[in-house]
Structures are given as C-alpha cells and as structure tokens.
C-alpha atoms as a PDB file:
ATOM      1  CA  MET A   1      28.608-167.369  52.441  1.00  0.00           C
ATOM      2  CA  GLN A   2      28.348-167.236  48.680  1.00  0.00           C
ATOM      3  CA  ALA A   3      26.449-164.591  46.779  1.00  0.00           C
ATOM      4  CA  GLY A   4      23.946-167.136  45.463  1.00  0.00           C
ATOM      5  CA  GLU A   5      23.111-168.251  48.993  1.00  0.00           C
ATOM      6  CA  ALA A   6      22.755-164.618  50.100  1.00  0.00           C
ATOM      7  CA  TYR A   7      20.191-163.925  47.369  1.00  0.00           C
ATOM      8  CA  LYS A   8      18.346-167.099  48.396  1.00  0.00           C
ATOM      9  CA  ILE A   9      18.219-166.063  52.071  1.00  0.00           C
ATOM     10  CA  LEU A  10      16.761-162.686  51.110  1.00  0.00           C
ATOM     11  CA  GLY A  11      14.344-164.355  48.686  1.00  0.00           C
ATOM     12  CA  LEU A  12      15.678-162.471  45.674  1.00  0.00           C
ATOM     13  CA  LYS A  13      16.872-163.236  42.188  1.00  0.00           C
ATOM     14  CA  PRO A  14      20.542-162.635  41.315  1.00  0.00           C
ATOM     15  CA  SER A  15      19.480-159.741  39.111  1.00  0.00           C
ATOM     16  CA  ALA A  16      17.877-157.839  42.041  1.00  0.00           C
ATOM     17  CA  SER A  17      18.718-154.135  42.319  1.00  0.00           C
ATOM     18  CA  PRO A  18      20.150-152.500  45.481  1.00  0.00           C
ATOM     19  CA  GLN A  19      16.727-150.973  46.170  1.00  0.00           C
ATOM     20  CA  GLU A  20      15.124-154.427  46.042  1.00  0.00           C
ATOM     21  CA  ILE A  21      17.844-155.814  48.333  1.00  0.00           C
ATOM     22  CA  ARG A  22      17.252-153.070  50.915  1.00  0.00           C
ATOM     23  CA  ARG A  23      13.482-153.556  50.720  1.00  0.00           C
ATOM     24  CA  ALA A  24      13.750-157.329  51.237  1.00  0.00           C
ATOM     25  CA  TYR A  25      16.280-156.886  54.042  1.00  0.00           C
ATOM     26  CA  ARG A  26      14.095-154.457  55.978  1.00  0.00           C
ATOM     27  CA  GLY A  27      11.078-156.704  55.690  1.00  0.00           C
ATOM     28  CA  LEU A  28      12.944-159.799  56.896  1.00  0.00           C
ATOM     29  CA  VAL A  29      14.720-157.950  59.707  1.00  0.00           C
ATOM     30  CA  LYS A  30      11.409-156.787  61.118  1.00  0.00           C
ATOM     31  CA  LYS A  31      10.052-160.310  60.889  1.00  0.00           C
ATOM     32  CA  TYR A  32      12.977-162.097  62.591  1.00  0.00           C
ATOM     33  CA  HIS A  33      14.188-159.400  65.011  1.00  0.00           C
ATOM     34  CA  PRO A  34      14.806-161.047  68.418  1.00  0.00           C
ATOM     35  CA  ASP A  35      12.734-158.391  70.156  1.00  0.00           C
ATOM     36  CA  LYS A  36       9.727-159.355  68.049  1.00  0.00           C
ATOM     37  CA  ASN A  37      10.279-163.036  67.233  1.00  0.00           C
ATOM     38  CA  ASN A  38      10.979-165.503  70.075  1.00  0.00           C
ATOM     39  CA  SER A  39      10.622-168.656  67.978  1.00  0.00           C
ATOM     40  CA  ALA A  40      13.415-171.222  67.694  1.00  0.00           C
ATOM     41  CA  GLY A  41      15.912-170.401  64.974  1.00  0.00           C
ATOM     42  CA  ALA A  42      14.846-166.769  64.727  1.00  0.00           C
ATOM     43  CA  HIS A  43      18.205-165.609  66.134  1.00  0.00           C
ATOM     44  CA  GLU A  44      20.228-167.586  63.565  1.00  0.00           C
ATOM     45  CA  LYS A  45      17.915-166.505  60.754  1.00  0.00           C
ATOM     46  CA  PHE A  46      18.319-162.896  61.808  1.00  0.00           C
ATOM     47  CA  LEU A  47      22.155-163.140  61.697  1.00  0.00           C
ATOM     48  CA  ALA A  48      22.016-164.914  58.297  1.00  0.00           C
ATOM     49  CA  ILE A  49      19.849-162.121  56.917  1.00  0.00           C
ATOM     50  CA  GLN A  50      22.303-159.527  58.203  1.00  0.00           C
ATOM     51  CA  THR A  51      25.288-161.426  56.742  1.00  0.00           C
ATOM     52  CA  ALA A  52      23.563-161.784  53.343  1.00  0.00           C
ATOM     53  CA  TYR A  53      22.723-158.105  53.302  1.00  0.00           C
ATOM     54  CA  GLU A  54      26.301-157.048  54.130  1.00  0.00           C
ATOM     55  CA  LEU A  55      27.680-159.422  51.477  1.00  0.00           C
ATOM     56  CA  LEU A  56      25.441-158.190  48.682  1.00  0.00           C
ATOM     57  CA  LEU A  57      25.749-154.471  49.389  1.00  0.00           C
ATOM     58  CA  ASN A  58      29.153-154.070  51.031  1.00  0.00           C
ATOM     59  CA  GLY A  59      30.986-157.209  49.825  1.00  0.00           C
ATOM     60  CA  SER A  60      31.675-158.429  53.385  1.00  0.00           C
ATOM     61  CA  SER A  61      31.094-162.154  54.105  1.00  0.00           C
ATOM     62  CA  GLU A  62      31.977-162.024  57.820  1.00  0.00           C
ATOM     63  CA  THR A  63      29.270-162.988  60.276  1.00  0.00           C
ATOM     64  CA  PRO A  64      28.465-159.829  62.254  1.00  0.00           C
ATOM     65  CA  ASP A  65      28.398-159.704  66.010  1.00  0.00           C
ATOM     66  CA  ALA A  66      24.843-160.277  67.238  1.00  0.00           C
ATOM     67  CA  THR A  67      24.992-157.606  69.907  1.00  0.00           C
ATOM     68  CA  LYS A  68      26.228-155.023  67.439  1.00  0.00           C
ATOM     69  CA  VAL A  69      23.587-156.047  64.898  1.00  0.00           C
ATOM     70  CA  TRP A  70      20.824-155.675  67.489  1.00  0.00           C
ATOM     71  CA  GLN A  71      22.138-152.292  68.509  1.00  0.00           C
ATOM     72  CA  ASN A  72      22.245-151.140  64.895  1.00  0.00           C
ATOM     73  CA  GLU A  73      18.761-152.443  64.257  1.00  0.00           C
ATOM     74  CA  ASN A  74      17.443-150.853  67.432  1.00  0.00           C
ATOM     75  CA  GLN A  75      18.981-147.542  66.380  1.00  0.00           C
ATOM     76  CA  ARG A  76      17.523-147.944  62.919  1.00  0.00           C
ATOM     77  CA  ALA A  77      14.134-148.826  64.379  1.00  0.00           C
ATOM     78  CA  ALA A  78      14.315-145.781  66.640  1.00  0.00           C
ATOM     79  CA  GLN A  79      15.172-143.578  63.666  1.00  0.00           C
ATOM     80  CA  ASP A  80      12.283-145.083  61.692  1.00  0.00           C
ATOM     81  CA  ALA A  81       9.936-144.417  64.594  1.00  0.00           C
ATOM     82  CA  GLN A  82      11.125-140.812  64.833  1.00  0.00           C
ATOM     83  CA  GLN A  83      10.669-140.313  61.102  1.00  0.00           C
ATOM     84  CA  LYS A  84       7.222-141.877  61.264  1.00  0.00           C
ATOM     85  CA  ALA A  85       6.245-139.666  64.195  1.00  0.00           C
ATOM     86  CA  ALA A  86       7.538-136.577  62.370  1.00  0.00           C
ATOM     87  CA  TYR A  87       5.615-137.586  59.258  1.00  0.00           C
ATOM     88  CA  GLU A  88       2.405-138.138  61.254  1.00  0.00           C
ATOM     89  CA  GLN A  89       2.880-134.751  62.888  1.00  0.00           C
ATOM     90  CA  TYR A  90       3.311-133.162  59.464  1.00  0.00           C
ATOM     91  CA  ARG A  91       0.157-134.902  58.198  1.00  0.00           C
ATOM     92  CA  GLN A  92      -1.796-133.755  61.235  1.00  0.00           C
ATOM     93  CA  HIS A  93      -0.630-130.185  60.703  1.00  0.00           C
ATOM     94  CA  ALA A  94      -1.513-130.389  57.007  1.00  0.00           C
ATOM     95  CA  ARG A  95      -5.000-131.702  57.874  1.00  0.00           C
ATOM     96  CA  GLN A  96      -5.549-128.835  60.306  1.00  0.00           C
ATOM     97  CA  LYS A  97      -4.433-126.252  57.726  1.00  0.00           C
ATOM     98  CA  PHE A  98      -6.697-127.841  55.129  1.00  0.00           C
ATOM     99  CA  ALA A  99      -9.651-127.860  57.541  1.00  0.00           C
ATOM    100  CA  GLN A 100      -9.010-124.198  58.407  1.00  0.00           C
ATOM    101  CA  ARG A 101      -8.828-123.265  54.724  1.00  0.00           C
ATOM    102  CA  LYS A 102     -12.051-125.145  53.973  1.00  0.00           C
ATOM    103  CA  ALA A 103     -13.783-123.500  56.928  1.00  0.00           C
ATOM    104  CA  ALA A 104     -12.635-120.068  55.721  1.00  0.00           C
ATOM    105  CA  GLU A 105     -13.881-120.841  52.208  1.00  0.00           C
ATOM    106  CA  GLU A 106     -17.260-122.009  53.520  1.00  0.00           C
ATOM    107  CA  ALA A 107     -17.564-118.921  55.709  1.00  0.00           C
ATOM    108  CA  TYR A 108     -16.769-116.661  52.741  1.00  0.00           C
ATOM    109  CA  LYS A 109     -19.216-118.566  50.525  1.00  0.00           C
ATOM    110  CA  THR A 110     -21.957-118.368  53.156  1.00  0.00           C
ATOM    111  CA  ALA A 111     -21.394-114.639  53.669  1.00  0.00           C
ATOM    112  CA  TYR A 112     -21.315-114.022  49.899  1.00  0.00           C
ATOM    113  CA  LEU A 113     -24.557-115.948  49.307  1.00  0.00           C
ATOM    114  CA  GLN A 114     -26.194-114.191  52.233  1.00  0.00           C
ATOM    115  CA  ASP A 115     -25.174-110.857  50.744  1.00  0.00           C
ATOM    116  CA  LEU A 116     -26.629-111.875  47.371  1.00  0.00           C
ATOM    117  CA  LYS A 117     -29.917-112.845  49.007  1.00  0.00           C
ATOM    118  CA  SER A 118     -30.424-110.164  51.660  1.00  0.00           C
ATOM    119  CA  SER A 119     -28.770-107.008  50.288  1.00  0.00           C
ATOM    120  CA  TRP A 120     -29.995-104.767  47.472  1.00  0.00           C
ATOM    121  CA  LYS A 121     -28.594-107.363  45.075  1.00  0.00           C
ATOM    122  CA  GLY A 122     -30.989-109.962  46.426  1.00  0.00           C
ATOM    123  CA  ARG A 123     -33.929-107.549  46.362  1.00  0.00           C
ATOM    124  CA  TRP A 124     -33.149-106.623  42.753  1.00  0.00           C
ATOM    125  CA  HIS A 125     -32.855-110.323  41.840  1.00  0.00           C
ATOM    126  CA  GLN A 126     -36.177-111.035  43.557  1.00  0.00           C
ATOM    127  CA  PHE A 127     -37.834-108.077  41.847  1.00  0.00           C
ATOM    128  CA  ALA A 128     -36.572-109.288  38.461  1.00  0.00           C
ATOM    129  CA  ALA A 129     -37.840-112.794  39.289  1.00  0.00           C
ATOM    130  CA  VAL A 130     -41.358-111.605  40.178  1.00  0.00           C
ATOM    131  CA  LEU A 131     -41.554-109.168  37.268  1.00  0.00           C
ATOM    132  CA  GLY A 132     -40.228-111.795  34.867  1.00  0.00           C
ATOM    133  CA  LEU A 133     -42.813-114.344  36.019  1.00  0.00           C
ATOM    134  CA  CYS A 134     -45.614-111.799  35.549  1.00  0.00           C
ATOM    135  CA  LEU A 135     -44.363-110.868  32.084  1.00  0.00           C
ATOM    136  CA  PHE A 136     -44.014-114.526  31.138  1.00  0.00           C
ATOM    137  CA  ILE A 137     -47.657-115.161  32.025  1.00  0.00           C
ATOM    138  CA  VAL A 138     -48.886-111.970  30.340  1.00  0.00           C
ATOM    139  CA  VAL A 139     -46.909-112.584  27.140  1.00  0.00           C
ATOM    140  CA  TRP A 140     -48.382-116.062  26.692  1.00  0.00           C
ATOM    141  CA  LEU A 141     -51.904-114.961  27.635  1.00  0.00           C
ATOM    142  CA  ASP A 142     -51.502-112.147  25.135  1.00  0.00           C
ATOM    143  CA  TYR A 143     -50.452-114.650  22.496  1.00  0.00           C
ATOM    144  CA  PHE A 144     -53.629-116.760  22.770  1.00  0.00           C
ATOM    145  CA  LEU A 145     -56.218-114.051  23.488  1.00  0.00           C
ATOM    146  CA  PRO A 146     -58.270-112.734  20.529  1.00  0.00           C
ATOM    147  CA  GLU A 147     -56.397-110.104  18.559  1.00  0.00           C
ATOM    148  CA  LYS A 148     -57.476-106.485  18.195  1.00  0.00           C
ATOM    149  CA  GLN A 149     -57.482-104.157  15.209  1.00  0.00           C
ATOM    150  CA  ARG A 150     -56.583-100.495  15.366  1.00  0.00           C
ATOM    151  CA  GLU A 151     -56.643 -98.037  12.497  1.00  0.00           C
ATOM    152  CA  ILE A 152     -53.346 -96.248  11.912  1.00  0.00           C
ATOM    153  CA  TYR A 153     -52.224 -93.465   9.602  1.00  0.00           C
ATOM    154  CA  PRO A 154     -48.863 -93.296   7.871  1.00  0.00           C
ATOM    155  CA  THR A 155     -46.527 -90.358   8.212  1.00  0.00           C
ATOM    156  CA  ARG A 156     -43.803 -91.720   5.955  1.00  0.00           C
ATOM    157  CA  PHE A 157     -42.686 -94.917   4.324  1.00  0.00           C
ATOM    158  CA  GLY A 158     -39.038 -95.819   3.818  1.00  0.00           C
ATOM    159  CA  SER A 159     -37.860 -96.110   0.244  1.00  0.00           C
ATOM    160  CA  LYS A 160     -35.039 -98.577   0.960  1.00  0.00           C
ATOM    161  CA  THR A 161     -35.750-102.295   0.894  1.00  0.00           C
ATOM    162  CA  TYR A 162     -33.953-104.719   3.226  1.00  0.00           C
ATOM    163  CA  GLN A 163     -33.696-108.474   3.269  1.00  0.00           C
ATOM    164  CA  SER A 164     -35.360-110.322   6.152  1.00  0.00           C
ATOM    165  CA  VAL A 165     -35.783-113.977   7.129  1.00  0.00           C
ATOM    166  CA  GLU A 166     -36.975-116.585   4.644  1.00  0.00           C
ATOM    167  CA  GLY A 167     -36.350-114.283   1.703  1.00  0.00           C
ATOM    168  CA  HIS A 168     -38.866-111.592   2.687  1.00  0.00           C
ATOM    169  CA  ALA A 169     -38.226-108.012   1.614  1.00  0.00           C
ATOM    170  CA  VAL A 170     -39.075-105.406   4.275  1.00  0.00           C
ATOM    171  CA  GLN A 171     -39.486-101.642   4.338  1.00  0.00           C
ATOM    172  CA  LEU A 172     -39.802 -99.296   7.293  1.00  0.00           C
ATOM    173  CA  PHE A 173     -43.256 -97.814   7.894  1.00  0.00           C
ATOM    174  CA  PHE A 174     -43.851 -94.863  10.311  1.00  0.00           C
ATOM    175  CA  SER A 175     -47.288 -94.048  11.708  1.00  0.00           C
ATOM    176  CA  THR A 176     -48.859 -91.096  13.519  1.00  0.00           C
ATOM    177  CA  ASP A 177     -48.849 -92.961  16.859  1.00  0.00           C
ATOM    178  CA  GLN A 178     -45.036 -92.554  17.012  1.00  0.00           C
ATOM    179  CA  ARG A 179     -44.441 -96.211  16.191  1.00  0.00           C
ATOM    180  CA  HIS A 180     -42.611 -97.778  13.291  1.00  0.00           C
ATOM    181  CA  TYR A 181     -42.993-101.187  11.674  1.00  0.00           C
ATOM    182  CA  TRP A 182     -40.837-103.332   9.426  1.00  0.00           C
ATOM    183  CA  VAL A 183     -43.512-104.321   6.921  1.00  0.00           C
ATOM    184  CA  ALA A 184     -42.837-107.386   4.781  1.00  0.00           C
ATOM    185  CA  ASP A 185     -43.608-107.655   1.071  1.00  0.00           C
ATOM    186  CA  TYR A 186     -45.499-104.386   0.799  1.00  0.00           C
ATOM    187  CA  PHE A 187     -43.719-101.487  -0.812  1.00  0.00           C
ATOM    188  CA  SER A 188     -44.094 -97.722  -0.653  1.00  0.00           C
ATOM    189  CA  GLN A 189     -45.278 -97.610  -4.260  1.00  0.00           C
ATOM    190  CA  GLN A 190     -48.422 -99.484  -3.214  1.00  0.00           C
ATOM    191  CA  LEU A 191     -49.217 -97.182  -0.291  1.00  0.00           C
ATOM    192  CA  SER A 192     -51.172 -94.690  -2.409  1.00  0.00           C
ATOM    193  CA  LYS A 193     -53.676 -97.416  -3.284  1.00  0.00           C
ATOM    194  CA  SER A 194     -54.571 -98.120   0.343  1.00  0.00           C
ATOM    195  CA  VAL A 195     -57.806 -96.589   1.574  1.00  0.00           C
ATOM    196  CA  ARG A 196     -57.449 -97.950   5.093  1.00  0.00           C
ATOM    197  CA  ILE A 197     -54.547 -99.313   7.154  1.00  0.00           C
ATOM    198  CA  ARG A 198     -55.017-101.308  10.349  1.00  0.00           C
ATOM    199  CA  ALA A 199     -52.548-102.643  12.905  1.00  0.00           C
ATOM    200  CA  ILE A 200     -53.356-106.178  14.101  1.00  0.00           C
ATOM    201  CA  GLU A 201     -52.323-106.222  17.769  1.00  0.00           C
ATOM    202  CA  THR A 202     -52.332-108.447  20.795  1.00  0.00           C
ATOM    203  CA  PRO A 203     -55.016-107.308  23.251  1.00  0.00           C
ATOM    204  CA  TRP A 204     -52.932-106.746  26.377  1.00  0.00           C
ATOM    205  CA  LEU A 205     -49.462-105.477  25.484  1.00  0.00           C
ATOM    206  CA  ARG A 206     -50.582-104.259  22.063  1.00  0.00           C
ATOM    207  CA  GLN A 207     -47.725-105.878  20.227  1.00  0.00           C
ATOM    208  CA  VAL A 208     -48.234-105.550  16.497  1.00  0.00           C
ATOM    209  CA  LYS A 209     -48.491-108.900  14.755  1.00  0.00           C
ATOM    210  CA  SER A 210     -49.212-107.681  11.219  1.00  0.00           C
ATOM    211  CA  ILE A 211     -50.435-104.728   9.152  1.00  0.00           C
ATOM    212  CA  GLU A 212     -53.631-104.913   7.143  1.00  0.00           C
ATOM    213  CA  PHE A 213     -53.830-102.834   3.951  1.00  0.00           C
ATOM    214  CA  GLN A 214     -57.237-102.321   2.307  1.00  0.00           C
ATOM    215  CA  GLU A 215     -57.259-101.370  -1.338  1.00  0.00           C
ATOM    216  CA  LYS A 216     -60.953-100.779  -2.247  1.00  0.00           C
ATOM    217  CA  HIS A 217     -62.511-104.229  -1.823  1.00  0.00           C
ATOM    218  CA  TRP A 218     -59.194-106.092  -1.586  1.00  0.00           C
ATOM    219  CA  ILE A 219     -57.568-106.612   1.821  1.00  0.00           C
ATOM    220  CA  ARG A 220     -54.020-107.724   2.259  1.00  0.00           C
ATOM    221  CA  ARG A 221     -52.444-108.633   5.603  1.00  0.00           C
ATOM    222  CA  THR A 222     -48.656-108.634   5.762  1.00  0.00           C
ATOM    223  CA  PRO A 223     -46.489-109.604   8.762  1.00  0.00           C
ATOM    224  CA  VAL A 224     -44.336-107.187  10.716  1.00  0.00           C
ATOM    225  CA  HIS A 225     -40.746-108.296  11.220  1.00  0.00           C
ATOM    226  CA  PHE A 226     -38.092-107.550  13.862  1.00  0.00           C
ATOM    227  CA  THR A 227     -40.516-107.330  16.795  1.00  0.00           C
ATOM    228  CA  PHE A 228     -40.587-108.946  20.224  1.00  0.00           C
ATOM    229  CA  TYR A 229     -43.774-110.725  19.203  1.00  0.00           C
ATOM    230  CA  TRP A 230     -41.949-112.836  16.625  1.00  0.00           C
ATOM    231  CA  ALA A 231     -39.326-113.765  19.218  1.00  0.00           C
ATOM    232  CA  GLN A 232     -42.063-114.859  21.623  1.00  0.00           C
ATOM    233  CA  ILE A 233     -40.463-118.101  22.836  1.00  0.00           C
ATOM    234  CA  TRP A 234     -36.990-116.711  23.483  1.00  0.00           C
ATOM    235  CA  VAL A 235     -38.246-113.507  25.086  1.00  0.00           C
ATOM    236  CA  SER A 236     -40.566-115.403  27.429  1.00  0.00           C
ATOM    237  CA  LEU A 237     -37.789-117.800  28.439  1.00  0.00           C
ATOM    238  CA  LEU A 238     -35.543-114.834  29.204  1.00  0.00           C
ATOM    239  CA  PHE A 239     -38.308-113.443  31.421  1.00  0.00           C
ATOM    240  CA  LEU A 240     -38.706-116.740  33.285  1.00  0.00           C
ATOM    241  CA  LEU A 241     -35.043-117.525  34.011  1.00  0.00           C
ATOM    242  CA  PRO A 242     -34.644-115.080  36.973  1.00  0.00           C
ATOM    243  CA  TRP A 243     -37.608-116.693  38.734  1.00  0.00           C
ATOM    244  CA  ILE A 244     -36.238-120.194  38.101  1.00  0.00           C
ATOM    245  CA  SER A 245     -32.823-119.265  39.487  1.00  0.00           C
ATOM    246  CA  TRP A 246     -34.408-117.642  42.562  1.00  0.00           C
ATOM    247  CA  ARG A 247     -36.967-120.335  43.296  1.00  0.00           C
ATOM    248  CA  PHE A 248     -35.358-123.630  42.324  1.00  0.00           C
ATOM    249  CA  ALA A 249     -31.581-123.109  42.217  1.00  0.00           C
ATOM    250  CA  SER A 250     -30.109-125.233  45.016  1.00  0.00           C
ATOM    251  CA  ALA A 251     -26.503-125.327  43.803  1.00  0.00           C
ATOM    252  CA  ASP A 252     -24.504-122.273  44.860  1.00  0.00           C
ATOM    253  CA  ILE A 253     -22.900-121.690  41.469  1.00  0.00           C
ATOM    254  CA  ILE A 254     -26.332-121.738  39.762  1.00  0.00           C
ATOM    255  CA  PHE A 255     -27.742-119.192  42.196  1.00  0.00           C
ATOM    256  CA  VAL A 256     -24.726-116.895  41.784  1.00  0.00           C
ATOM    257  CA  ALA A 257     -24.936-117.151  37.979  1.00  0.00           C
ATOM    258  CA  GLY A 258     -28.688-116.525  38.157  1.00  0.00           C
ATOM    259  CA  SER A 259     -28.141-113.464  40.347  1.00  0.00           C
ATOM    260  CA  TYR A 260     -25.674-111.893  37.921  1.00  0.00           C
ATOM    261  CA  PHE A 261     -27.862-112.831  34.931  1.00  0.00           C
ATOM    262  CA  SER A 262     -30.950-111.302  36.557  1.00  0.00           C
ATOM    263  CA  ARG A 263     -29.254-108.094  37.697  1.00  0.00           C
ATOM    264  CA  PHE A 264     -27.200-107.299  34.620  1.00  0.00           C
ATOM    265  CA  LEU A 265     -29.097-108.856  31.704  1.00  0.00           C
ATOM    266  CA  ALA A 266     -32.664-109.982  32.337  1.00  0.00           C
ATOM    267  CA  GLY A 267     -33.661-107.098  34.622  1.00  0.00           C
ATOM    268  CA  PRO A 268     -32.453-104.296  32.319  1.00  0.00           C
ATOM    269  CA  PHE A 269     -33.955-106.109  29.325  1.00  0.00           C
ATOM    270  CA  MET A 270     -37.377-106.293  31.036  1.00  0.00           C
ATOM    271  CA  ILE A 271     -37.240-102.581  31.809  1.00  0.00           C
ATOM    272  CA  TYR A 272     -36.327-101.829  28.196  1.00  0.00           C
ATOM    273  CA  PHE A 273     -39.163-104.082  27.010  1.00  0.00           C
ATOM    274  CA  LEU A 274     -41.705-102.238  29.165  1.00  0.00           C
ATOM    275  CA  LEU A 275     -40.482 -98.735  28.371  1.00  0.00           C
ATOM    276  CA  THR A 276     -40.545 -99.152  24.603  1.00  0.00           C
ATOM    277  CA  GLU A 277     -43.894 -98.539  22.892  1.00  0.00           C
ATOM    278  CA  THR A 278     -45.439 -97.678  26.314  1.00  0.00           C
ATOM    279  CA  ARG A 279     -45.820-101.363  27.142  1.00  0.00           C
ATOM    280  CA  TRP A 280     -45.603-100.501  30.857  1.00  0.00           C
ATOM    281  CA  LEU A 281     -48.891 -98.588  30.516  1.00  0.00           C
ATOM    282  CA  HIS A 282     -50.580-101.434  28.642  1.00  0.00           C
ATOM    283  CA  PHE A 283     -49.163-103.913  31.157  1.00  0.00           C
ATOM    284  CA  LEU A 284     -50.527-102.094  34.207  1.00  0.00           C
ATOM    285  CA  SER A 285     -53.894-101.215  32.606  1.00  0.00           C
ATOM    286  CA  PHE A 286     -54.528-104.721  31.219  1.00  0.00           C
ATOM    287  CA  GLY A 287     -54.467-103.269  27.700  1.00  0.00           C
ATOM    288  CA  ILE A 288     -57.186-100.706  28.349  1.00  0.00           C
ATOM    289  CA  LEU A 289     -54.888 -97.713  27.910  1.00  0.00           C
END
C-alpha cells in the first residue's frame, strides 16, 4: 500500500497531522469494527484502515493479522470504556461536591438573613424603617403647612463672613433660645437698626426657613443657610430608604445592604436629626411644644 492510498482510505489529505490521522483512524475503526458492523466488506475495510494507519504512523506496509488487530482493538475499546467510566465517576463526584457546597451556601445565606430579620439587627432595621417613614411624612407635611413666626432675640452676631451657595455671604447669628443661624446677606453692622427679629419656621418640627429683620417700617426677610430644611429632598429620601429596603427588597443582596445602611447610617442620622434643636419634642407634640 502506498502512502497516497493510505491517506485516501482514512479520508485525509497528505498534509494531515498525526493527531488528525489518529482521530480519523479511531472514528473509522469504531464504524467498521467486526463486532459492530456485520455488513459485507466491513472486515476487509477494517483491515485496510488498520494497514493505512500503521503505514502513516509507523511506516509499516504489512497487512496485520486480523485476530491480532481485533484483540488490540478490543483492548483499546476496553481501556476507553474504563477511562470513560472513571471520567463519569469523577464528574458524578464533582457534581455531588458542588451540590453540597451550594447547599451549605444556601443554608448559611438563609441563617444569615434570618438573623438579620429576627435578631436585634432586624428589630433595629425595622425600627429605623418605621421611624424613617414617619419622619418622611412629617417632613413633607411640615414643608407644605402654613409657616409660623416666632420672635427671637440675639445674644451675639459673628463678625466673620463666609461664602455660601450661589454667591451668598453668610454670618453666624446666635439667639437666646440656644439656637444659631447662618444668615445670608445680612451683616452684624445692620443689627443695631433692627427693632424686631422673627424666625420664620415650619409649624411641626420648627425648622427655621428664614429670618425676618424689621427696621422701623421696613421689613427684610433673608434665608438661613446650612440647615436640614434646605436639604429637604435628600434628607427625606434618606429617611425613606430603610422602609423601602425592609418592605420591598426581594433580592438578598439589597436587603443585606439595606440592613447595614439602616443600622449604621440612616438610623444614627435620624436620632441625630431628632436630638438637635429638640426636634424630638416638636415631633412627638405635633409642634405644640
């Protein structure tokens, strides 16, 4: 048998690599093996395939003995079956390990979420959610309700001027009610002309919106900067986020993030908000006290 004929029997080009020769040989051997193919000419085709394979890889052109070829192929088939069985066993073991690891992860996740919901962490998150929802409603009601005026008396007025947003100049103003205000565009030199000073407040939480200075028959109202009132939108959203994460968060990662946000940021911020300027008293008394 010539090399060209051997390539033709294996269905390959003369430039085929040894890997391609082995691949073609294995495919044809399985197809024409006497144990699997009882058609006429299968035996001769099987021997020709074996001869072509030996010629191309080992340089031998002798026709191999059929019995020996079958024995070799049976041994090779048995080895392939053993390797396949070992591989399937490995895959089965890998699947079991993966399933066990996933089950352990799910159990840990379930226990962790249960701890976040039922322990003191969950109670603190729920408290922050309820308090935040109440504050959100109160802050926006306070924003739209009619404002109140309260007369205040200065104790001192800062002499330094600072730059605020939109080019406004602000100075610090202290009153007798233990509060201080960053008053815009009204300076300490003008304070002696004022015969009456009023704080314009929201009715419930008594957040100061502006200061009204009366100089004889002339009244000037100037805004107060650096207050929670002027950060109304962002403060109210911060109040609402714990309730959203508790009520609507279905994804685990969102609930966990919401729990940490509520316990370590939103909750302490709400307490700070209520404790400053006795807002807790105004909050509980509906602005009466």
